Amino acid sequence: MSDDYMHKEYPKRFDRTSFWEQIKRTVNGKPVSEQDINMIVDQIKRSLKPRSSDNLLDLGCGNAALASYLFDCVDGYYGVDFSEYLIGVAREFFSNQQSTHYYCDDIVSFSNSFLNPEVIDKILIYGVISYLSKQEVEQLITTISERFCSCRRVFIGNVPSREYADAFFKRRAVEDYQLDDPKSAIGVWWTPEEFEEIGGCRGFDVEILTMPESFYGTGYRFDVLMTRSARGCD
C-alpha cells in the first residue's frame, strides 16, 4: 500500500462525517468507543496541561476530530496535515474563524518553514510519528527544540512499541513484517529508550506514558511527553 493511498486516498472512502474511520481510529474496522476517545483526550490534557492562553500546534492533525476536544482549553489552534482531503474536512466541521488555523503541508517541512514558531506554547503529535522515518523524527524534534523556543511541552501519542511487535504480529498470524518502514500499515516501531535519547539530547526531559488497561491500544503502544528542560533554547 503506497504512502499516498494510505494517508491521502484511503480517507476518501468514507462519508465526510465518518471522522474516526477516515483517520483509522478504529478496531476491526469499527470506530473506537467514546470511552476510548475520552481516555486519549484525558491523557493529552494531563500531559500538555493546556491553558486558556495557549496556542496549540497539532502536527499530523488529520481531520481535527480528536483535537476538537481541546479547542475549549486553548486560545489558538494550528493544525497541519499533508492530506488535502482531511484538511478540507477539518475546515468544514471543526473550524472557528477566530481561533483555528489549518495548513496542508508535510509536518517536517512545515516545522522548518512556519513563520511564527514563537507563538506556539504546546505541540501535539498523535498517531502519526510512526509514519516518519527515524531520521525524520530526529530532524523534527531538533527543529522543535531550536525553532519553537516558547514551546514547553510536546506530546507524542500512540507510538508502536518495538518490545511487543513480535507478539502483536504472531497473534495475527503474520510472519513477514517490517518494523522500520514508515510506509507500512503501522509504520516504524520504537523503543522508549530511543525517544529518551532523542529528546534528552535536544534539551527535553522525557517521560514515557501508558494508557489504562481498558484502552484498545494498550499492550503494544506508548505515549511520550517531552518537557523543555530548565536551560530552554541555547
C-alpha atoms as a PDB file:
ATOM      1  CA  MET A   1       0.000   0.000   0.000  1.00  0.00           C
ATOM      2  CA  SER A   2       1.551   3.298  -1.046  1.00  0.00           C
ATOM      3  CA  ASP A   3       2.051   6.161   1.360  1.00  0.00           C
ATOM      4  CA  ASP A   4      -0.168   8.430  -0.733  1.00  0.00           C
ATOM      5  CA  TYR A   5      -3.003   5.899  -0.757  1.00  0.00           C
ATOM      6  CA  MET A   6      -2.854   5.047   2.929  1.00  0.00           C
ATOM      7  CA  HIS A   7      -2.864   8.641   4.155  1.00  0.00           C
ATOM      8  CA  LYS A   8      -4.391  10.650   1.307  1.00  0.00           C
ATOM      9  CA  GLU A   9      -6.702   8.407  -0.701  1.00  0.00           C
ATOM     10  CA  TYR A  10      -7.918   5.990   1.982  1.00  0.00           C
ATOM     11  CA  PRO A  11      -9.881   8.670   3.931  1.00  0.00           C
ATOM     12  CA  LYS A  12     -11.911   9.449   0.809  1.00  0.00           C
ATOM     13  CA  ARG A  13     -13.563   6.024   1.014  1.00  0.00           C
ATOM     14  CA  PHE A  14     -15.747   7.254   3.864  1.00  0.00           C
ATOM     15  CA  ASP A  15     -18.536   9.743   4.282  1.00  0.00           C
ATOM     16  CA  ARG A  16     -17.276  13.209   5.229  1.00  0.00           C
ATOM     17  CA  THR A  17     -18.823  12.806   8.676  1.00  0.00           C
ATOM     18  CA  SER A  18     -17.248   9.378   9.340  1.00  0.00           C
ATOM     19  CA  PHE A  19     -14.458  11.096  11.215  1.00  0.00           C
ATOM     20  CA  TRP A  20     -12.859   8.169  13.061  1.00  0.00           C
ATOM     21  CA  GLU A  21     -12.905   5.841  10.058  1.00  0.00           C
ATOM     22  CA  GLN A  22     -11.181   8.494   7.947  1.00  0.00           C
ATOM     23  CA  ILE A  23      -8.180   8.554  10.272  1.00  0.00           C
ATOM     24  CA  LYS A  24      -8.220   4.824  11.145  1.00  0.00           C
ATOM     25  CA  ARG A  25      -9.182   5.407  14.772  1.00  0.00           C
ATOM     26  CA  THR A  26     -10.911   2.035  14.586  1.00  0.00           C
ATOM     27  CA  VAL A  27     -10.925  -1.507  15.964  1.00  0.00           C
ATOM     28  CA  ASN A  28     -11.738  -4.230  13.431  1.00  0.00           C
ATOM     29  CA  GLY A  29     -12.955  -1.536  11.074  1.00  0.00           C
ATOM     30  CA  LYS A  30     -15.372  -0.003  13.568  1.00  0.00           C
ATOM     31  CA  PRO A  31     -14.905   3.412  15.229  1.00  0.00           C
ATOM     32  CA  VAL A  32     -13.349   3.247  18.673  1.00  0.00           C
ATOM     33  CA  SER A  33     -15.683   3.907  21.559  1.00  0.00           C
ATOM     34  CA  GLU A  34     -16.358   7.305  23.046  1.00  0.00           C
ATOM     35  CA  GLN A  35     -14.777   5.928  26.209  1.00  0.00           C
ATOM     36  CA  ASP A  36     -11.524   5.291  24.321  1.00  0.00           C
ATOM     37  CA  ILE A  37     -11.598   8.769  22.779  1.00  0.00           C
ATOM     38  CA  ASN A  38     -12.125  10.293  26.216  1.00  0.00           C
ATOM     39  CA  MET A  39      -9.161   8.324  27.571  1.00  0.00           C
ATOM     40  CA  ILE A  40      -6.983   9.728  24.788  1.00  0.00           C
ATOM     41  CA  VAL A  41      -8.181  13.267  25.449  1.00  0.00           C
ATOM     42  CA  ASP A  42      -7.632  12.891  29.201  1.00  0.00           C
ATOM     43  CA  GLN A  43      -4.078  11.636  28.611  1.00  0.00           C
ATOM     44  CA  ILE A  44      -3.332  14.583  26.329  1.00  0.00           C
ATOM     45  CA  LYS A  45      -4.773  17.091  28.782  1.00  0.00           C
ATOM     46  CA  ARG A  46      -2.862  15.646  31.737  1.00  0.00           C
ATOM     47  CA  SER A  47       0.345  15.776  29.728  1.00  0.00           C
ATOM     48  CA  LEU A  48       0.118  19.069  27.851  1.00  0.00           C
ATOM     49  CA  LYS A  49      -1.700  20.917  30.658  1.00  0.00           C
ATOM     50  CA  PRO A  50      -3.418  23.260  28.171  1.00  0.00           C
ATOM     51  CA  ARG A  51      -4.230  26.765  29.373  1.00  0.00           C
ATOM     52  CA  SER A  52      -6.727  29.272  28.035  1.00  0.00           C
ATOM     53  CA  SER A  53      -3.855  31.488  26.858  1.00  0.00           C
ATOM     54  CA  ASP A  54      -2.032  28.697  24.958  1.00  0.00           C
ATOM     55  CA  ASN A  55      -1.511  28.309  21.238  1.00  0.00           C
ATOM     56  CA  LEU A  56      -1.513  24.606  20.362  1.00  0.00           C
ATOM     57  CA  LEU A  57       0.234  23.221  17.276  1.00  0.00           C
ATOM     58  CA  ASP A  58      -1.113  19.849  16.101  1.00  0.00           C
ATOM     59  CA  LEU A  59       1.312  18.141  13.722  1.00  0.00           C
ATOM     60  CA  GLY A  60      -0.488  15.471  11.709  1.00  0.00           C
ATOM     61  CA  CYS A  61      -3.925  16.704  12.742  1.00  0.00           C
ATOM     62  CA  GLY A  62      -5.875  14.652  10.189  1.00  0.00           C
ATOM     63  CA  ASN A  63      -9.469  15.896  10.198  1.00  0.00           C
ATOM     64  CA  ALA A  64      -9.023  17.511  13.651  1.00  0.00           C
ATOM     65  CA  ALA A  65     -11.843  15.419  15.156  1.00  0.00           C
ATOM     66  CA  LEU A  66      -9.606  14.454  18.073  1.00  0.00           C
ATOM     67  CA  ALA A  67      -8.172  17.926  18.533  1.00  0.00           C
ATOM     68  CA  SER A  68     -11.645  19.453  18.616  1.00  0.00           C
ATOM     69  CA  TYR A  69     -11.971  18.097  22.173  1.00  0.00           C
ATOM     70  CA  LEU A  70      -9.193  20.524  23.120  1.00  0.00           C
ATOM     71  CA  PHE A  71     -10.469  23.669  21.433  1.00  0.00           C
ATOM     72  CA  ASP A  72     -12.162  24.983  24.570  1.00  0.00           C
ATOM     73  CA  CYS A  73      -8.913  24.590  26.530  1.00  0.00           C
ATOM     74  CA  VAL A  74      -6.705  26.837  24.381  1.00  0.00           C
ATOM     75  CA  ASP A  75      -6.708  30.276  22.826  1.00  0.00           C
ATOM     76  CA  GLY A  76      -5.467  29.280  19.369  1.00  0.00           C
ATOM     77  CA  TYR A  77      -5.187  26.030  17.435  1.00  0.00           C
ATOM     78  CA  TYR A  78      -2.877  25.362  14.477  1.00  0.00           C
ATOM     79  CA  GLY A  79      -3.485  22.073  12.629  1.00  0.00           C
ATOM     80  CA  VAL A  80      -1.164  20.662   9.965  1.00  0.00           C
ATOM     81  CA  ASP A  81      -1.678  17.626   7.735  1.00  0.00           C
ATOM     82  CA  PHE A  82      -0.483  16.669   4.268  1.00  0.00           C
ATOM     83  CA  SER A  83      -3.898  15.293   3.256  1.00  0.00           C
ATOM     84  CA  GLU A  84      -5.804  17.995   1.420  1.00  0.00           C
ATOM     85  CA  TYR A  85      -8.988  15.967   1.863  1.00  0.00           C
ATOM     86  CA  LEU A  86      -8.661  15.704   5.649  1.00  0.00           C
ATOM     87  CA  ILE A  87      -7.771  19.368   5.985  1.00  0.00           C
ATOM     88  CA  GLY A  88     -10.905  20.114   3.984  1.00  0.00           C
ATOM     89  CA  VAL A  89     -12.980  18.058   6.428  1.00  0.00           C
ATOM     90  CA  ALA A  90     -11.333  19.869   9.345  1.00  0.00           C
ATOM     91  CA  ARG A  91     -12.139  23.263   7.866  1.00  0.00           C
ATOM     92  CA  GLU A  92     -15.733  22.228   7.177  1.00  0.00           C
ATOM     93  CA  PHE A  93     -16.603  20.625  10.520  1.00  0.00           C
ATOM     94  CA  PHE A  94     -14.026  21.742  13.089  1.00  0.00           C
ATOM     95  CA  SER A  95     -13.335  25.359  12.352  1.00  0.00           C
ATOM     96  CA  ASN A  96     -13.623  28.597  14.254  1.00  0.00           C
ATOM     97  CA  GLN A  97     -12.664  31.634  12.223  1.00  0.00           C
ATOM     98  CA  GLN A  98     -11.012  33.384  15.159  1.00  0.00           C
ATOM     99  CA  SER A  99      -9.090  30.538  16.782  1.00  0.00           C
ATOM    100  CA  THR A 100      -8.428  27.678  14.328  1.00  0.00           C
ATOM    101  CA  HIS A 101      -5.829  27.740  11.580  1.00  0.00           C
ATOM    102  CA  TYR A 102      -5.252  24.872   9.142  1.00  0.00           C
ATOM    103  CA  TYR A 103      -2.333  24.157   6.834  1.00  0.00           C
ATOM    104  CA  CYS A 104      -1.934  21.460   4.199  1.00  0.00           C
ATOM    105  CA  ASP A 105       1.735  20.536   4.365  1.00  0.00           C
ATOM    106  CA  ASP A 106       4.227  17.866   5.349  1.00  0.00           C
ATOM    107  CA  ILE A 107       4.804  18.248   9.088  1.00  0.00           C
ATOM    108  CA  VAL A 108       8.610  18.189   8.894  1.00  0.00           C
ATOM    109  CA  SER A 109       8.660  20.843   6.164  1.00  0.00           C
ATOM    110  CA  PHE A 110       6.053  22.931   7.962  1.00  0.00           C
ATOM    111  CA  SER A 111       8.035  22.891  11.187  1.00  0.00           C
ATOM    112  CA  ASN A 112      11.020  24.305   9.324  1.00  0.00           C
ATOM    113  CA  SER A 113       9.069  26.964   7.432  1.00  0.00           C
ATOM    114  CA  PHE A 114       6.360  28.169   9.869  1.00  0.00           C
ATOM    115  CA  LEU A 115       6.861  31.912  10.114  1.00  0.00           C
ATOM    116  CA  ASN A 116       5.823  32.416  13.746  1.00  0.00           C
ATOM    117  CA  PRO A 117       7.162  29.493  15.792  1.00  0.00           C
ATOM    118  CA  GLU A 118       7.481  31.747  18.845  1.00  0.00           C
ATOM    119  CA  VAL A 119       3.689  31.883  19.277  1.00  0.00           C
ATOM    120  CA  ILE A 120       3.387  28.132  19.922  1.00  0.00           C
ATOM    121  CA  ASP A 121       3.167  27.048  23.571  1.00  0.00           C
ATOM    122  CA  LYS A 122       2.354  23.317  23.248  1.00  0.00           C
ATOM    123  CA  ILE A 123       2.729  20.738  20.461  1.00  0.00           C
ATOM    124  CA  LEU A 124       0.613  17.631  19.865  1.00  0.00           C
ATOM    125  CA  ILE A 125       1.733  14.782  17.574  1.00  0.00           C
ATOM    126  CA  TYR A 126      -0.817  11.997  17.827  1.00  0.00           C
ATOM    127  CA  GLY A 127      -0.907   8.754  15.868  1.00  0.00           C
ATOM    128  CA  VAL A 128       1.434   9.885  13.098  1.00  0.00           C
ATOM    129  CA  ILE A 129       5.017   9.689  14.386  1.00  0.00           C
ATOM    130  CA  SER A 130       5.401   6.083  13.187  1.00  0.00           C
ATOM    131  CA  TYR A 131       4.856   7.207   9.596  1.00  0.00           C
ATOM    132  CA  LEU A 132       8.073   9.206   9.669  1.00  0.00           C
ATOM    133  CA  SER A 133      11.492   7.627   9.311  1.00  0.00           C
ATOM    134  CA  LYS A 134      13.747   7.719  12.352  1.00  0.00           C
ATOM    135  CA  GLN A 135      15.881  10.319  10.625  1.00  0.00           C
ATOM    136  CA  GLU A 136      12.803  12.490  10.027  1.00  0.00           C
ATOM    137  CA  VAL A 137      11.765  12.168  13.669  1.00  0.00           C
ATOM    138  CA  GLU A 138      15.213  13.280  14.819  1.00  0.00           C
ATOM    139  CA  GLN A 139      15.041  16.201  12.406  1.00  0.00           C
ATOM    140  CA  LEU A 140      11.553  17.144  13.628  1.00  0.00           C
ATOM    141  CA  ILE A 141      12.490  17.108  17.321  1.00  0.00           C
ATOM    142  CA  THR A 142      15.644  19.100  16.533  1.00  0.00           C
ATOM    143  CA  THR A 143      13.549  21.709  14.729  1.00  0.00           C
ATOM    144  CA  ILE A 144      11.061  21.919  17.583  1.00  0.00           C
ATOM    145  CA  SER A 145      13.903  22.346  20.067  1.00  0.00           C
ATOM    146  CA  GLU A 146      15.664  25.028  18.052  1.00  0.00           C
ATOM    147  CA  ARG A 147      12.801  26.998  16.466  1.00  0.00           C
ATOM    148  CA  PHE A 148       9.847  26.624  18.845  1.00  0.00           C
ATOM    149  CA  CYS A 149      11.538  28.120  21.877  1.00  0.00           C
ATOM    150  CA  SER A 150       8.275  29.096  23.592  1.00  0.00           C
ATOM    151  CA  CYS A 151       7.009  25.525  23.417  1.00  0.00           C
ATOM    152  CA  ARG A 152       7.335  23.942  26.848  1.00  0.00           C
ATOM    153  CA  ARG A 153       5.600  20.606  26.254  1.00  0.00           C
ATOM    154  CA  VAL A 154       5.419  18.155  23.348  1.00  0.00           C
ATOM    155  CA  PHE A 155       3.072  15.161  23.477  1.00  0.00           C
ATOM    156  CA  ILE A 156       3.737  12.291  21.050  1.00  0.00           C
ATOM    157  CA  GLY A 157       0.921   9.775  21.220  1.00  0.00           C
ATOM    158  CA  ASN A 158       0.128   6.219  20.126  1.00  0.00           C
ATOM    159  CA  VAL A 159       3.674   5.090  19.348  1.00  0.00           C
ATOM    160  CA  PRO A 160       4.042   1.401  18.349  1.00  0.00           C
ATOM    161  CA  SER A 161       6.226  -0.356  20.930  1.00  0.00           C
ATOM    162  CA  ARG A 162       9.012  -2.440  19.417  1.00  0.00           C
ATOM    163  CA  GLU A 163       9.117  -4.631  22.507  1.00  0.00           C
ATOM    164  CA  TYR A 164       5.679  -6.037  21.712  1.00  0.00           C
ATOM    165  CA  ALA A 165       5.888  -6.156  17.918  1.00  0.00           C
ATOM    166  CA  ASP A 166       6.621  -9.891  17.629  1.00  0.00           C
ATOM    167  CA  ALA A 167       3.690 -10.804  19.881  1.00  0.00           C
ATOM    168  CA  PHE A 168       1.412  -8.388  18.017  1.00  0.00           C
ATOM    169  CA  PHE A 169       2.084  -9.974  14.640  1.00  0.00           C
ATOM    170  CA  LYS A 170       2.146 -13.527  15.987  1.00  0.00           C
ATOM    171  CA  ARG A 171      -1.406 -13.129  17.314  1.00  0.00           C
ATOM    172  CA  ARG A 172      -2.427 -12.126  13.821  1.00  0.00           C
ATOM    173  CA  ALA A 173      -0.524 -14.979  12.156  1.00  0.00           C
ATOM    174  CA  VAL A 174       1.659 -12.512  10.266  1.00  0.00           C
ATOM    175  CA  GLU A 175       5.160 -13.825   9.633  1.00  0.00           C
ATOM    176  CA  ASP A 176       6.549 -11.287   7.175  1.00  0.00           C
ATOM    177  CA  TYR A 177       6.586  -7.791   8.658  1.00  0.00           C
ATOM    178  CA  GLN A 178       8.766  -4.704   8.753  1.00  0.00           C
ATOM    179  CA  LEU A 179       9.500  -2.714  11.899  1.00  0.00           C
ATOM    180  CA  ASP A 180      11.427   0.162  10.323  1.00  0.00           C
ATOM    181  CA  ASP A 181       9.290   1.000   7.304  1.00  0.00           C
ATOM    182  CA  PRO A 182       7.306   4.234   7.695  1.00  0.00           C
ATOM    183  CA  LYS A 183       5.224   3.249   4.665  1.00  0.00           C
ATOM    184  CA  SER A 184       3.968   0.008   6.213  1.00  0.00           C
ATOM    185  CA  ALA A 185       0.460  -0.227   7.676  1.00  0.00           C
ATOM    186  CA  ILE A 186       1.593   0.566  11.236  1.00  0.00           C
ATOM    187  CA  GLY A 187       4.866   2.255  10.357  1.00  0.00           C
ATOM    188  CA  VAL A 188       8.041   2.350  12.428  1.00  0.00           C
ATOM    189  CA  TRP A 189       8.097   0.579  15.800  1.00  0.00           C
ATOM    190  CA  TRP A 190      10.059   2.335  18.556  1.00  0.00           C
ATOM    191  CA  THR A 191      11.567   1.672  21.955  1.00  0.00           C
ATOM    192  CA  PRO A 192      11.013   4.166  24.786  1.00  0.00           C
ATOM    193  CA  GLU A 193      14.786   4.460  25.147  1.00  0.00           C
ATOM    194  CA  GLU A 194      15.098   5.829  21.607  1.00  0.00           C
ATOM    195  CA  PHE A 195      12.781   8.722  22.440  1.00  0.00           C
ATOM    196  CA  GLU A 196      14.550   9.316  25.730  1.00  0.00           C
ATOM    197  CA  GLU A 197      17.814   9.692  23.824  1.00  0.00           C
ATOM    198  CA  ILE A 198      16.393  11.848  21.035  1.00  0.00           C
ATOM    199  CA  GLY A 199      14.617  14.211  23.427  1.00  0.00           C
ATOM    200  CA  GLY A 200      17.346  14.271  26.043  1.00  0.00           C
ATOM    201  CA  CYS A 201      19.985  15.268  23.512  1.00  0.00           C
ATOM    202  CA  ARG A 202      17.807  18.189  22.407  1.00  0.00           C
ATOM    203  CA  GLY A 203      17.046  19.817  25.721  1.00  0.00           C
ATOM    204  CA  PHE A 204      13.921  17.931  26.774  1.00  0.00           C
ATOM    205  CA  ASP A 205      13.075  15.894  29.826  1.00  0.00           C
ATOM    206  CA  VAL A 206      11.316  12.766  28.561  1.00  0.00           C
ATOM    207  CA  GLU A 207       8.566  10.779  30.271  1.00  0.00           C
ATOM    208  CA  ILE A 208       7.155   7.535  28.856  1.00  0.00           C
ATOM    209  CA  LEU A 209       3.438   7.076  29.469  1.00  0.00           C
ATOM    210  CA  THR A 210       0.964   4.247  29.014  1.00  0.00           C
ATOM    211  CA  MET A 211      -2.798   4.163  28.770  1.00  0.00           C
ATOM    212  CA  PRO A 212      -5.262   2.428  31.139  1.00  0.00           C
ATOM    213  CA  GLU A 213      -5.604  -1.336  30.775  1.00  0.00           C
ATOM    214  CA  SER A 214      -9.073  -0.937  29.249  1.00  0.00           C
ATOM    215  CA  PHE A 215      -7.767   1.177  26.347  1.00  0.00           C
ATOM    216  CA  TYR A 216      -7.978  -0.539  22.968  1.00  0.00           C
ATOM    217  CA  GLY A 217      -4.303   0.010  22.124  1.00  0.00           C
ATOM    218  CA  THR A 218      -2.865  -0.946  25.494  1.00  0.00           C
ATOM    219  CA  GLY A 219      -0.137  -3.554  25.294  1.00  0.00           C
ATOM    220  CA  TYR A 220       1.600  -2.503  22.117  1.00  0.00           C
ATOM    221  CA  ARG A 221       1.673   1.298  22.135  1.00  0.00           C
ATOM    222  CA  PHE A 222       3.020   4.019  24.412  1.00  0.00           C
ATOM    223  CA  ASP A 223       2.995   7.803  24.653  1.00  0.00           C
ATOM    224  CA  VAL A 224       5.864  10.256  25.053  1.00  0.00           C
ATOM    225  CA  LEU A 225       5.866  13.552  26.922  1.00  0.00           C
ATOM    226  CA  MET A 226       8.775  15.889  26.241  1.00  0.00           C
ATOM    227  CA  THR A 227       9.101  18.849  28.594  1.00  0.00           C
ATOM    228  CA  ARG A 228      11.529  21.684  27.952  1.00  0.00           C
ATOM    229  CA  SER A 229      14.337  21.447  30.465  1.00  0.00           C
ATOM    230  CA  ALA A 230      15.317  24.431  32.582  1.00  0.00           C
ATOM    231  CA  ARG A 231      18.022  25.590  30.206  1.00  0.00           C
ATOM    232  CA  GLY A 232      15.500  26.114  27.360  1.00  0.00           C
ATOM    233  CA  CYS A 233      16.803  27.052  23.917  1.00  0.00           C
ATOM    234  CA  ASP A 234      20.527  27.529  23.651  1.00  0.00           C
END
